[in-house]
Amino acid sequence: MESSKTKITTLFFIFMFLISSLTPILGCGHCQKHKKKPIIISPPPPIEVPTTSCPIDTIKLGACVDLLGGLVHIGLGNPVVNECCPIIEGLVEIEAAVCLCTTLKLKLLNLNLYVPLALQLLLTCGKTPPPGYTCSL
C-alpha cells in the first residue's frame, strides 16, 4: 500500500509539473511573437555652409562711409562710430565681414583703412568676426 501511495503521489507531481509547464505554451499558442519596432534613423539636419560672397550690393555699403569715417576722425558728442550701419545690421556675422572686405577690395569706400580697424565696425553692430577670419586685400 505504501508503494501505491508513493506511485500516486509521484504521478500527481509529474502531472502538476506538466500542467504548469504547458499552461504558458497552450495559453498563447496563437499569439504572435512581439516584433521589435524598426529603429527609424532620421537624417541629420543639413549643414548650412557659410556664405562666401556678399548677399548685398557692395555699392550700397558705401552709404556707411560716414560711419567708417567716424573711425578715423575725432568728433565731439556722440560720434558716428557708435551707430550701426543699417545695411550691416541685417546681415549675419560672416556675411557682414565678407561684405566689408569685398567693399574694401573694390576700393568703393576710397578709404585707406587698416582691415582690423574696418572689422571693428562689425563690433559696433554687435557682431563679431568669426574666429580666425582674415580679410586678405
C-alpha atoms as a PDB file:
ATOM      1  CA  MET A   1       0.000   0.000   0.000  1.00  0.00           C
ATOM      2  CA  GLU A   2       2.845   2.227   0.754  1.00  0.00           C
ATOM      3  CA  SER A   3       4.218   1.779  -2.728  1.00  0.00           C
ATOM      4  CA  SER A   4       0.890   2.594  -4.369  1.00  0.00           C
ATOM      5  CA  LYS A   5       0.685   5.830  -2.334  1.00  0.00           C
ATOM      6  CA  THR A   6       4.174   6.732  -3.471  1.00  0.00           C
ATOM      7  CA  LYS A   7       3.296   5.974  -7.076  1.00  0.00           C
ATOM      8  CA  ILE A   8       0.134   8.072  -6.885  1.00  0.00           C
ATOM      9  CA  THR A   9       1.999  10.940  -5.259  1.00  0.00           C
ATOM     10  CA  THR A  10       4.745  10.739  -7.852  1.00  0.00           C
ATOM     11  CA  LEU A  11       2.224  10.659 -10.698  1.00  0.00           C
ATOM     12  CA  PHE A  12       0.396  13.592  -9.138  1.00  0.00           C
ATOM     13  CA  PHE A  13       3.581  15.705  -9.001  1.00  0.00           C
ATOM     14  CA  ILE A  14       4.529  14.746 -12.574  1.00  0.00           C
ATOM     15  CA  PHE A  15       1.027  15.658 -13.750  1.00  0.00           C
ATOM     16  CA  MET A  16       1.167  19.014 -11.911  1.00  0.00           C
ATOM     17  CA  PHE A  17       4.611  19.700 -13.350  1.00  0.00           C
ATOM     18  CA  LEU A  18       3.389  19.007 -16.905  1.00  0.00           C
ATOM     19  CA  ILE A  19       0.304  21.182 -16.475  1.00  0.00           C
ATOM     20  CA  SER A  20       2.312  24.074 -15.034  1.00  0.00           C
ATOM     21  CA  SER A  21       4.897  23.750 -17.816  1.00  0.00           C
ATOM     22  CA  LEU A  22       2.407  23.505 -20.679  1.00  0.00           C
ATOM     23  CA  THR A  23      -0.015  26.194 -19.491  1.00  0.00           C
ATOM     24  CA  PRO A  24       2.024  29.149 -20.820  1.00  0.00           C
ATOM     25  CA  ILE A  25       2.581  27.346 -24.124  1.00  0.00           C
ATOM     26  CA  LEU A  26      -1.054  26.312 -24.587  1.00  0.00           C
ATOM     27  CA  GLY A  27      -2.378  29.653 -23.371  1.00  0.00           C
ATOM     28  CA  CYS A  28      -0.568  31.574 -26.097  1.00  0.00           C
ATOM     29  CA  GLY A  29      -0.428  29.070 -28.898  1.00  0.00           C
ATOM     30  CA  HIS A  30      -1.914  31.517 -31.425  1.00  0.00           C
ATOM     31  CA  CYS A  31      -0.137  34.592 -30.158  1.00  0.00           C
ATOM     32  CA  GLN A  32       2.293  36.238 -32.482  1.00  0.00           C
ATOM     33  CA  LYS A  33       5.668  36.932 -31.139  1.00  0.00           C
ATOM     34  CA  HIS A  34       6.181  40.570 -30.340  1.00  0.00           C
ATOM     35  CA  LYS A  35       8.070  42.119 -33.178  1.00  0.00           C
ATOM     36  CA  LYS A  36      10.501  44.820 -32.321  1.00  0.00           C
ATOM     37  CA  LYS A  37       9.663  48.137 -33.865  1.00  0.00           C
ATOM     38  CA  PRO A  38      12.202  49.058 -36.505  1.00  0.00           C
ATOM     39  CA  ILE A  39      14.541  51.793 -35.473  1.00  0.00           C
ATOM     40  CA  ILE A  40      13.973  54.790 -37.682  1.00  0.00           C
ATOM     41  CA  ILE A  41      17.060  56.883 -38.071  1.00  0.00           C
ATOM     42  CA  SER A  42      16.223  60.349 -39.221  1.00  0.00           C
ATOM     43  CA  PRO A  43      18.836  62.068 -41.364  1.00  0.00           C
ATOM     44  CA  PRO A  44      20.779  64.844 -39.677  1.00  0.00           C
ATOM     45  CA  PRO A  45      19.740  68.378 -40.497  1.00  0.00           C
ATOM     46  CA  PRO A  46      21.584  69.838 -43.465  1.00  0.00           C
ATOM     47  CA  ILE A  47      24.707  71.743 -42.598  1.00  0.00           C
ATOM     48  CA  GLU A  48      24.499  75.338 -43.628  1.00  0.00           C
ATOM     49  CA  VAL A  49      27.642  76.395 -45.408  1.00  0.00           C
ATOM     50  CA  PRO A  50      28.561  79.972 -44.546  1.00  0.00           C
ATOM     51  CA  THR A  51      28.149  82.416 -47.373  1.00  0.00           C
ATOM     52  CA  THR A  52      31.446  83.302 -49.008  1.00  0.00           C
ATOM     53  CA  SER A  53      30.006  86.070 -51.125  1.00  0.00           C
ATOM     54  CA  CYS A  54      28.299  89.279 -50.150  1.00  0.00           C
ATOM     55  CA  PRO A  55      24.494  88.985 -50.395  1.00  0.00           C
ATOM     56  CA  ILE A  56      24.031  92.736 -50.819  1.00  0.00           C
ATOM     57  CA  ASP A  57      25.209  95.173 -53.454  1.00  0.00           C
ATOM     58  CA  THR A  58      28.560  96.439 -52.195  1.00  0.00           C
ATOM     59  CA  ILE A  59      27.834  99.865 -53.623  1.00  0.00           C
ATOM     60  CA  LYS A  60      25.057 100.159 -51.042  1.00  0.00           C
ATOM     61  CA  LEU A  61      27.680  99.666 -48.380  1.00  0.00           C
ATOM     62  CA  GLY A  62      29.131 102.976 -49.500  1.00  0.00           C
ATOM     63  CA  ALA A  63      26.278 104.562 -47.547  1.00  0.00           C
ATOM     64  CA  CYS A  64      28.257 103.734 -44.437  1.00  0.00           C
ATOM     65  CA  VAL A  65      31.190 105.933 -45.454  1.00  0.00           C
ATOM     66  CA  ASP A  66      30.313 108.362 -42.698  1.00  0.00           C
ATOM     67  CA  LEU A  67      30.337 105.519 -40.221  1.00  0.00           C
ATOM     68  CA  LEU A  68      33.751 104.362 -41.369  1.00  0.00           C
ATOM     69  CA  GLY A  69      34.913 107.958 -41.459  1.00  0.00           C
ATOM     70  CA  GLY A  70      33.950 108.183 -37.809  1.00  0.00           C
ATOM     71  CA  LEU A  71      36.512 105.504 -37.058  1.00  0.00           C
ATOM     72  CA  VAL A  72      39.369 107.707 -38.161  1.00  0.00           C
ATOM     73  CA  HIS A  73      38.080 111.183 -37.283  1.00  0.00           C
ATOM     74  CA  ILE A  74      37.731 112.638 -33.836  1.00  0.00           C
ATOM     75  CA  GLY A  75      34.363 114.231 -33.180  1.00  0.00           C
ATOM     76  CA  LEU A  76      32.581 115.858 -30.263  1.00  0.00           C
ATOM     77  CA  GLY A  77      29.468 114.453 -28.635  1.00  0.00           C
ATOM     78  CA  ASN A  78      28.103 111.113 -29.772  1.00  0.00           C
ATOM     79  CA  PRO A  79      30.424 110.056 -32.600  1.00  0.00           C
ATOM     80  CA  VAL A  80      29.069 108.311 -35.662  1.00  0.00           C
ATOM     81  CA  VAL A  81      31.103 105.250 -34.733  1.00  0.00           C
ATOM     82  CA  ASN A  82      28.536 104.438 -32.035  1.00  0.00           C
ATOM     83  CA  GLU A  83      25.807 103.954 -34.648  1.00  0.00           C
ATOM     84  CA  CYS A  84      25.402 100.737 -36.599  1.00  0.00           C
ATOM     85  CA  CYS A  85      25.130 100.862 -40.365  1.00  0.00           C
ATOM     86  CA  PRO A  86      21.609  99.583 -41.190  1.00  0.00           C
ATOM     87  CA  ILE A  87      22.924  97.602 -44.162  1.00  0.00           C
ATOM     88  CA  ILE A  88      25.362  95.647 -41.992  1.00  0.00           C
ATOM     89  CA  GLU A  89      22.834  95.363 -39.182  1.00  0.00           C
ATOM     90  CA  GLY A  90      20.652  92.942 -41.167  1.00  0.00           C
ATOM     91  CA  LEU A  91      23.479  90.524 -42.006  1.00  0.00           C
ATOM     92  CA  VAL A  92      24.949  87.549 -40.206  1.00  0.00           C
ATOM     93  CA  GLU A  93      28.482  87.975 -38.831  1.00  0.00           C
ATOM     94  CA  ILE A  94      30.246  86.138 -41.676  1.00  0.00           C
ATOM     95  CA  GLU A  95      28.183  87.946 -44.322  1.00  0.00           C
ATOM     96  CA  ALA A  96      28.910  91.337 -42.798  1.00  0.00           C
ATOM     97  CA  ALA A  97      32.637  90.575 -42.656  1.00  0.00           C
ATOM     98  CA  VAL A  98      32.679  89.337 -46.269  1.00  0.00           C
ATOM     99  CA  CYS A  99      30.751  92.392 -47.488  1.00  0.00           C
ATOM    100  CA  LEU A 100      33.080  94.749 -45.683  1.00  0.00           C
ATOM    101  CA  CYS A 101      36.157  93.018 -47.098  1.00  0.00           C
ATOM    102  CA  THR A 102      34.659  92.940 -50.602  1.00  0.00           C
ATOM    103  CA  THR A 103      33.948  96.643 -50.408  1.00  0.00           C
ATOM    104  CA  LEU A 104      37.468  97.362 -49.222  1.00  0.00           C
ATOM    105  CA  LYS A 105      38.912  95.199 -52.001  1.00  0.00           C
ATOM    106  CA  LEU A 106      36.933  97.053 -54.623  1.00  0.00           C
ATOM    107  CA  LYS A 107      38.010 100.315 -53.007  1.00  0.00           C
ATOM    108  CA  LEU A 108      34.446 101.557 -53.222  1.00  0.00           C
ATOM    109  CA  LEU A 109      34.868 103.401 -49.973  1.00  0.00           C
ATOM    110  CA  ASN A 110      38.051 105.076 -51.184  1.00  0.00           C
ATOM    111  CA  LEU A 111      39.435 104.975 -47.675  1.00  0.00           C
ATOM    112  CA  ASN A 112      42.811 103.768 -46.578  1.00  0.00           C
ATOM    113  CA  LEU A 113      41.797 101.796 -43.539  1.00  0.00           C
ATOM    114  CA  TYR A 114      43.544  99.003 -41.797  1.00  0.00           C
ATOM    115  CA  VAL A 115      41.487  95.861 -42.117  1.00  0.00           C
ATOM    116  CA  PRO A 116      41.391  95.220 -38.342  1.00  0.00           C
ATOM    117  CA  LEU A 117      40.046  98.736 -37.871  1.00  0.00           C
ATOM    118  CA  ALA A 118      37.421  98.169 -40.554  1.00  0.00           C
ATOM    119  CA  LEU A 119      36.415  94.868 -38.974  1.00  0.00           C
ATOM    120  CA  GLN A 120      35.963  96.801 -35.733  1.00  0.00           C
ATOM    121  CA  LEU A 121      32.889  98.216 -37.487  1.00  0.00           C
ATOM    122  CA  LEU A 122      31.270  94.824 -37.020  1.00  0.00           C
ATOM    123  CA  LEU A 123      31.603  95.158 -33.261  1.00  0.00           C
ATOM    124  CA  THR A 124      29.685  98.433 -33.400  1.00  0.00           C
ATOM    125  CA  CYS A 125      26.715  96.490 -34.778  1.00  0.00           C
ATOM    126  CA  GLY A 126      27.038  93.846 -32.077  1.00  0.00           C
ATOM    127  CA  LYS A 127      28.632  91.374 -34.475  1.00  0.00           C
ATOM    128  CA  THR A 128      31.944  89.657 -34.031  1.00  0.00           C
ATOM    129  CA  PRO A 129      34.043  88.357 -36.894  1.00  0.00           C
ATOM    130  CA  PRO A 130      34.208  84.559 -36.881  1.00  0.00           C
ATOM    131  CA  PRO A 131      37.263  83.167 -35.076  1.00  0.00           C
ATOM    132  CA  GLY A 132      40.262  83.104 -37.382  1.00  0.00           C
ATOM    133  CA  TYR A 133      38.566  85.208 -40.053  1.00  0.00           C
ATOM    134  CA  THR A 134      41.013  87.223 -42.143  1.00  0.00           C
ATOM    135  CA  CYS A 135      40.352  89.674 -44.903  1.00  0.00           C
ATOM    136  CA  SER A 136      43.144  89.498 -47.456  1.00  0.00           C
ATOM    137  CA  LEU A 137      43.346  92.574 -49.637  1.00  0.00           C
END
